[in-house]
Amino acid sequence: MPIVNTSTYHPPFFLRNGHLQTILGKIRKVKGIEYKRERMILADGDFFDLDWSYAGKNSKKIAIILHGLESSAYSNNVLNFVEGFNKRNWDSVSINLRGCSGEANNFFSSYNAGSQEEIDATVKHVLKKSYDEITLLGYSLGGSMCIRYLAAHAHELDKRIKRTAHISVPCDLGASARKISGTYYFNYYRNKFYKKYKEKFTRWPDIISLEKIEKIKGITSFEVFDTEYTAPLYGYRDADHYWRETSCLQMFPKINIPLLIINAKDDPVLTGDCFPYEQVKDNPYIFLETPESGGHCGFVTLRGEFWHINRAISFIENKE
C-alpha cells in the first residue's frame, strides 16, 4: 500500500497553520533564473508559450513544469522548482497555459481544468530532443491536469517518462471549489477572472456582454461562476458536470508509472476526496503523502529550499 503514513516534513511550531504556510510559500524569491521563451502553435491556430531554463551542464534530463489556476511560469511556485531542478543538473521547461504568459491568446476561450493540448504538445516537442529522462511536475490545478494526461496516455507513454510528482493537488475539483467559495482565495481568483473577461470583451464584444462581465464582481462561489461562465464556454452542462468530468480522481486506476502526490492536511484549498486514500491504495504506482502541515504549496523551511522541492525531486530521482 503506497500511502506514506509518516511524512518527513516537520515545520517550526509557529508555522503550523495552513493559511500562514500558504502565504509564506509565495514569499521566497528566486533570483538568477534566465528563461528562454519559445512560442508553440497549436493545431487550432492558437498559441501558448514555453519558458526554458537550462542547467548549463549538458543535461540529459528535463522537467516539464505546469503552474496552477490563473498563474504562470513566473510564479514563485514554479521558479522554486526550476531552481531546484537546475541545481541538480536538470533542464526545465515551464508551460504557460493559453492566456497565462502575459499575452492574450488568439481565441475568446483559453484553458480549463480538462485542457490537455498544451501538455500534449509540450511532451511531443520535448521527446524530439536528446533527453534520456523526462518528468512532469504540476502544482495545484497543474498537478491535476498532469495526472489526467499521464492517465489518458498511460498505454503509450514514452519510456523516458519514468517517475513524476505533483504538489497540493485538488483531486476532487468540486470538493475544493466548494471549500474555498466565499473566502479570500475565491475572491482572489474572481478578480483575476473579471480582469481577463474584461480584456477579452474589447476583442470579442459579440460573444459576451459587458453587463454579464460586470456580474462577475458579485459572484461569491465557484459553483455559480463555473455554471454561468466556464461550463457553457467549454461544453459542459453546469459546474457539477465540469468538475466531475475534469477531476483527476477517477483517473488514478490508469496510472502506471511511480507518481507522488503531496497534499498537506491543513491545506485551506483541499478537502474531502482531495485526500484519496481509498482510491490510491490499490494502485502500487501512486504514492500519497499527507503531512500534517504545509498549507497550499507551502511546506516552508526557515533556511534553504522548501521541503517539498527536495522531497519531490528526490522521488523523481528515485532517491527517497
Protein backbone atom coordinates (compact mmCIF):
# COMPACT_ATOMS: atom_id res chain seq x y z
CA MET A 1 0.00 0.00 0.00
CA PRO A 2 1.96 3.11 -1.21
CA ILE A 3 0.45 5.56 1.27
CA VAL A 4 3.24 7.42 3.05
CA ASN A 5 1.99 7.32 6.64
CA THR A 6 4.91 9.21 8.19
CA SER A 7 6.00 12.37 6.43
CA THR A 8 9.44 13.85 6.92
CA TYR A 9 8.07 17.40 6.93
CA HIS A 10 8.03 18.92 10.42
CA PRO A 11 7.55 22.69 10.35
CA PRO A 12 8.57 25.00 13.18
CA PHE A 13 5.79 25.18 15.79
CA PHE A 14 4.91 28.76 14.83
CA LEU A 15 4.30 27.71 11.20
CA ARG A 16 1.74 25.01 11.92
CA ASN A 17 -1.07 26.91 10.25
CA GLY A 18 -2.30 26.18 6.74
CA HIS A 19 -3.15 29.77 5.85
CA LEU A 20 0.20 31.07 7.09
CA GLN A 21 2.04 28.32 5.21
CA THR A 22 0.13 29.18 2.04
CA ILE A 23 1.03 32.86 2.30
CA LEU A 24 4.68 32.32 3.24
CA GLY A 25 5.06 29.77 0.46
CA LYS A 26 4.72 32.60 -2.03
CA ILE A 27 7.31 34.84 -0.40
CA ARG A 28 10.62 33.07 -1.05
CA LYS A 29 12.06 34.86 -4.07
CA VAL A 30 14.18 33.02 -6.58
CA LYS A 31 16.88 35.00 -8.34
CA GLY A 32 19.06 34.19 -11.29
CA ILE A 33 16.61 32.21 -13.41
CA GLU A 34 17.02 33.26 -17.03
CA TYR A 35 14.17 31.95 -19.15
CA LYS A 36 14.36 31.45 -22.88
CA ARG A 37 10.85 31.75 -24.31
CA GLU A 38 9.50 29.63 -27.14
CA ARG A 39 6.09 30.06 -28.74
CA MET A 40 4.13 26.93 -29.61
CA ILE A 41 1.41 26.97 -32.27
CA LEU A 42 -1.47 24.55 -31.76
CA ALA A 43 -3.45 22.76 -34.45
CA ASP A 44 -6.44 25.08 -33.96
CA GLY A 45 -4.31 28.16 -34.68
CA ASP A 46 -3.97 29.28 -31.09
CA PHE A 47 -0.67 29.53 -29.21
CA PHE A 48 0.89 29.10 -25.81
CA ASP A 49 4.37 29.92 -24.53
CA LEU A 50 7.10 27.77 -23.03
CA ASP A 51 9.82 29.11 -20.75
CA TRP A 52 13.06 27.10 -20.82
CA SER A 53 15.77 27.12 -18.15
CA TYR A 54 18.98 25.19 -18.69
CA ALA A 55 21.21 23.61 -16.06
CA GLY A 56 24.26 24.56 -18.12
CA LYS A 57 25.97 21.20 -17.77
CA ASN A 58 24.82 19.40 -20.92
CA SER A 59 21.94 17.85 -19.04
CA LYS A 60 20.21 14.77 -20.40
CA LYS A 61 17.26 15.19 -18.03
CA ILE A 62 14.36 17.61 -18.26
CA ALA A 63 11.40 18.54 -16.09
CA ILE A 64 8.16 19.76 -17.66
CA ILE A 65 6.53 22.03 -15.06
CA LEU A 66 2.91 23.22 -15.04
CA HIS A 67 1.54 26.09 -12.93
CA GLY A 68 -1.78 26.39 -11.10
CA LEU A 69 -5.03 28.23 -11.78
CA GLU A 70 -4.50 31.67 -13.34
CA SER A 71 -0.78 31.52 -12.65
CA SER A 72 2.25 31.30 -14.94
CA ALA A 73 5.83 30.13 -15.32
CA TYR A 74 6.87 33.22 -13.36
CA SER A 75 5.07 32.23 -10.17
CA ASN A 76 7.25 31.58 -7.14
CA ASN A 77 5.97 28.00 -7.02
CA VAL A 78 7.29 27.29 -10.50
CA LEU A 79 10.51 29.25 -10.08
CA ASN A 80 11.36 27.37 -6.88
CA PHE A 81 11.10 24.09 -8.75
CA VAL A 82 13.04 25.44 -11.73
CA GLU A 83 15.85 26.38 -9.36
CA GLY A 84 15.67 23.01 -7.62
CA PHE A 85 15.84 21.03 -10.84
CA ASN A 86 18.57 23.20 -12.39
CA LYS A 87 20.91 22.87 -9.43
CA ARG A 88 20.50 19.09 -9.69
CA ASN A 89 21.50 19.24 -13.36
CA TRP A 90 18.00 19.01 -14.82
CA ASP A 91 16.89 21.36 -17.58
CA SER A 92 13.33 22.58 -17.23
CA VAL A 93 10.59 23.80 -19.49
CA SER A 94 7.67 25.57 -17.84
CA ILE A 95 4.31 25.64 -19.59
CA ASN A 96 2.24 28.80 -19.67
CA LEU A 97 -1.32 27.71 -20.37
CA ARG A 98 -3.16 29.68 -23.05
CA GLY A 99 -3.56 33.29 -22.00
CA CYS A 100 -1.25 32.96 -18.97
CA SER A 101 2.09 34.10 -20.40
CA GLY A 102 1.39 37.81 -20.23
CA GLU A 103 -0.13 37.98 -23.71
CA ALA A 104 -3.74 37.20 -24.54
CA ASN A 105 -4.25 34.13 -26.69
CA ASN A 106 -5.98 34.22 -30.07
CA PHE A 107 -9.41 32.95 -29.03
CA PHE A 108 -12.08 34.02 -26.57
CA SER A 109 -11.68 30.64 -24.87
CA SER A 110 -8.34 29.80 -23.27
CA TYR A 111 -7.91 26.78 -20.97
CA ASN A 112 -9.90 24.85 -18.39
CA ALA A 113 -9.27 22.04 -15.91
CA GLY A 114 -9.74 19.46 -18.65
CA SER A 115 -7.33 21.04 -21.13
CA GLN A 116 -4.67 18.69 -22.46
CA GLU A 117 -3.45 20.38 -25.64
CA GLU A 118 -0.61 22.35 -24.06
CA ILE A 119 0.74 19.38 -22.11
CA ASP A 120 0.49 17.04 -25.08
CA ALA A 121 2.20 19.49 -27.44
CA THR A 122 4.99 20.11 -24.93
CA VAL A 123 5.65 16.43 -24.27
CA LYS A 124 5.80 15.68 -28.01
CA HIS A 125 8.14 18.64 -28.51
CA VAL A 126 10.48 17.54 -25.72
CA LEU A 127 10.51 13.94 -26.95
CA LYS A 128 12.11 15.13 -30.19
CA LYS A 129 15.13 16.38 -28.25
CA SER A 130 18.05 14.32 -26.94
CA TYR A 131 16.93 13.85 -23.34
CA ASP A 132 17.30 10.46 -21.67
CA GLU A 133 14.89 11.17 -18.83
CA ILE A 134 11.73 13.27 -18.70
CA THR A 135 9.42 14.07 -15.82
CA LEU A 136 6.21 16.06 -15.41
CA LEU A 137 5.57 18.12 -12.29
CA GLY A 138 2.49 20.19 -11.60
CA TYR A 139 1.24 22.09 -8.60
CA SER A 140 -2.38 22.72 -7.63
CA LEU A 141 -4.59 22.63 -10.75
CA GLY A 142 -1.49 21.97 -12.85
CA GLY A 143 -0.92 18.79 -10.87
CA SER A 144 -4.45 17.60 -11.57
CA MET A 145 -4.04 18.34 -15.28
CA CYS A 146 -0.72 16.47 -15.45
CA ILE A 147 -2.18 13.43 -13.68
CA ARG A 148 -5.05 13.37 -16.15
CA TYR A 149 -2.57 13.48 -19.01
CA LEU A 150 -0.44 10.67 -17.61
CA ALA A 151 -3.51 8.51 -17.11
CA ALA A 152 -5.02 9.25 -20.51
CA HIS A 153 -1.75 8.37 -22.25
CA ALA A 154 -0.70 5.55 -19.94
CA HIS A 155 -0.73 2.95 -22.73
CA GLU A 156 1.61 5.00 -24.90
CA LEU A 157 3.91 6.86 -22.53
CA ASP A 158 7.47 7.09 -23.76
CA LYS A 159 9.88 5.04 -21.62
CA ARG A 160 11.85 8.21 -20.86
CA ILE A 161 8.96 9.39 -18.69
CA LYS A 162 9.85 7.32 -15.63
CA ARG A 163 8.64 8.99 -12.44
CA THR A 164 6.59 12.07 -11.61
CA ALA A 165 5.45 14.18 -8.65
CA HIS A 166 2.69 16.74 -8.00
CA ILE A 167 2.04 19.19 -5.20
CA SER A 168 -1.19 20.33 -3.46
CA VAL A 169 -3.46 18.62 -5.98
CA PRO A 170 -7.24 19.27 -5.91
CA CYS A 171 -8.00 15.67 -6.87
CA ASP A 172 -11.73 16.34 -6.46
CA LEU A 173 -12.29 19.72 -8.10
CA GLY A 174 -15.85 20.03 -6.81
CA ALA A 175 -14.83 19.48 -3.19
CA SER A 176 -12.03 22.02 -3.49
CA ALA A 177 -14.18 24.58 -5.31
CA ARG A 178 -16.92 24.40 -2.68
CA LYS A 179 -14.45 24.71 0.20
CA ILE A 180 -12.88 27.97 -0.95
CA SER A 181 -16.05 29.62 -2.27
CA GLY A 182 -16.82 32.76 -0.31
CA THR A 183 -13.29 33.03 1.02
CA TYR A 184 -10.30 35.27 0.32
CA TYR A 185 -9.00 32.60 -2.04
CA PHE A 186 -12.13 32.69 -4.18
CA ASN A 187 -12.10 36.49 -4.26
CA TYR A 188 -8.51 36.41 -5.45
CA TYR A 189 -9.41 34.18 -8.41
CA ARG A 190 -12.66 36.02 -9.13
CA ASN A 191 -10.77 39.29 -9.53
CA LYS A 192 -8.41 37.61 -11.99
CA PHE A 193 -11.36 36.17 -13.95
CA TYR A 194 -13.04 39.56 -14.06
CA LYS A 195 -9.93 41.27 -15.38
CA LYS A 196 -9.39 38.61 -18.03
CA TYR A 197 -13.01 38.69 -19.24
CA LYS A 198 -12.92 42.49 -19.34
CA GLU A 199 -9.84 42.37 -21.55
CA LYS A 200 -11.44 39.78 -23.84
CA PHE A 201 -14.56 41.96 -24.23
CA THR A 202 -12.51 44.55 -26.12
CA ARG A 203 -11.71 41.93 -28.77
CA TRP A 204 -14.92 39.87 -28.77
CA PRO A 205 -17.81 42.17 -27.79
CA ASP A 206 -20.26 39.95 -29.70
CA ILE A 207 -19.51 36.87 -27.60
CA ILE A 208 -20.20 38.25 -24.12
CA SER A 209 -21.93 41.39 -22.92
CA LEU A 210 -20.34 43.95 -20.67
CA GLU A 211 -23.31 43.52 -18.35
CA LYS A 212 -22.55 39.83 -17.87
CA ILE A 213 -18.89 40.59 -17.24
CA GLU A 214 -19.81 43.12 -14.56
CA LYS A 215 -21.89 40.45 -12.81
CA ILE A 216 -18.69 38.52 -12.09
CA LYS A 217 -17.85 41.06 -9.37
CA GLY A 218 -20.90 39.97 -7.36
CA ILE A 219 -20.32 36.20 -7.57
CA THR A 220 -19.33 34.51 -4.32
CA SER A 221 -18.90 30.86 -5.34
CA PHE A 222 -17.17 28.73 -7.94
CA GLU A 223 -20.44 26.87 -8.44
CA VAL A 224 -22.10 29.99 -9.82
CA PHE A 225 -19.06 31.14 -11.77
CA ASP A 226 -18.36 27.77 -13.38
CA THR A 227 -22.05 27.18 -14.15
CA GLU A 228 -22.56 30.62 -15.72
CA TYR A 229 -19.20 31.15 -17.43
CA THR A 230 -16.83 28.16 -17.56
CA ALA A 231 -19.22 25.30 -18.32
CA PRO A 232 -21.05 26.87 -21.30
CA LEU A 233 -17.79 28.04 -22.86
CA TYR A 234 -16.25 24.57 -22.83
CA GLY A 235 -19.27 22.37 -23.50
CA TYR A 236 -20.29 21.27 -20.00
CA ARG A 237 -23.85 21.36 -18.63
CA ASP A 238 -23.03 23.07 -15.33
CA ALA A 239 -20.37 23.30 -12.64
CA ASP A 240 -21.02 19.80 -11.29
CA HIS A 241 -20.68 18.28 -14.77
CA TYR A 242 -17.50 20.28 -15.38
CA TRP A 243 -15.90 19.30 -12.08
CA ARG A 244 -16.87 15.63 -12.41
CA GLU A 245 -15.50 15.28 -15.93
CA THR A 246 -12.25 17.15 -15.35
CA SER A 247 -11.19 15.91 -11.90
CA CYS A 248 -8.20 13.60 -11.83
CA LEU A 249 -9.73 11.44 -9.09
CA GLN A 250 -11.33 8.93 -11.45
CA MET A 251 -8.13 8.62 -13.48
CA PHE A 252 -5.99 7.03 -10.75
CA PRO A 253 -6.57 3.38 -11.79
CA LYS A 254 -4.84 4.08 -15.13
CA ILE A 255 -1.59 5.44 -13.68
CA ASN A 256 1.24 3.01 -14.47
CA ILE A 257 4.45 4.85 -13.50
CA PRO A 258 5.58 5.87 -9.98
CA LEU A 259 3.70 9.06 -9.08
CA LEU A 260 3.90 11.07 -5.87
CA ILE A 261 1.15 13.36 -4.59
CA ILE A 262 1.97 15.66 -1.65
CA ASN A 263 -1.16 17.17 -0.06
CA ALA A 264 -0.98 18.80 3.38
CA LYS A 265 -3.82 18.04 5.77
CA ASP A 266 -4.13 21.72 6.70
CA ASP A 267 -4.31 22.89 3.08
CA PRO A 268 -7.05 25.57 3.05
CA VAL A 269 -7.87 24.77 -0.58
CA LEU A 270 -8.29 20.99 -0.28
CA THR A 271 -10.91 18.81 1.37
CA GLY A 272 -12.76 15.52 1.03
CA ASP A 273 -11.54 13.32 -1.81
CA CYS A 274 -8.57 15.60 -2.36
CA PHE A 275 -7.04 13.11 0.10
CA PRO A 276 -7.86 9.95 -1.88
CA TYR A 277 -6.60 7.25 0.48
CA GLU A 278 -9.16 4.68 -0.65
CA GLN A 279 -8.78 5.47 -4.34
CA VAL A 280 -5.00 5.05 -4.45
CA LYS A 281 -4.42 2.18 -2.05
CA ASP A 282 -4.93 -0.48 -4.75
CA ASN A 283 -2.59 1.15 -7.27
CA PRO A 284 1.05 0.32 -6.39
CA TYR A 285 2.32 3.17 -8.57
CA ILE A 286 0.67 6.05 -6.67
CA PHE A 287 2.37 7.36 -3.53
CA LEU A 288 0.22 9.67 -1.42
CA GLU A 289 1.98 11.71 1.26
CA THR A 290 -0.14 13.89 3.54
CA PRO A 291 1.94 15.93 6.04
CA GLU A 292 0.03 17.34 8.99
CA SER A 293 1.01 20.86 7.91
CA GLY A 294 2.21 22.63 4.79
CA GLY A 295 -0.75 24.66 3.56
CA HIS A 296 -1.29 25.04 -0.18
CA CYS A 297 2.11 24.81 -1.90
CA GLY A 298 3.80 25.97 1.29
CA PHE A 299 5.96 23.43 3.15
CA VAL A 300 8.11 26.30 4.35
CA THR A 301 11.56 25.80 5.85
CA LEU A 302 13.48 28.54 7.59
CA ARG A 303 16.63 28.05 5.53
CA GLY A 304 17.33 26.88 2.02
CA GLU A 305 14.83 25.47 -0.42
CA PHE A 306 11.40 24.48 0.79
CA TRP A 307 10.88 20.89 1.92
CA HIS A 308 8.61 19.79 -0.94
CA ILE A 309 11.18 20.78 -3.58
CA ASN A 310 13.71 18.28 -2.27
CA ARG A 311 11.04 15.66 -1.48
CA ALA A 312 9.52 15.74 -4.97
CA ILE A 313 12.82 15.77 -6.87
CA SER A 314 14.28 13.03 -4.65
CA PHE A 315 11.26 10.89 -5.51
CA ILE A 316 11.64 11.62 -9.21
CA GLU A 317 15.32 10.70 -9.00
CA ASN A 318 14.37 7.55 -7.08
CA LYS A 319 16.44 8.62 -4.08
CA GLU A 320 13.65 8.76 -1.50
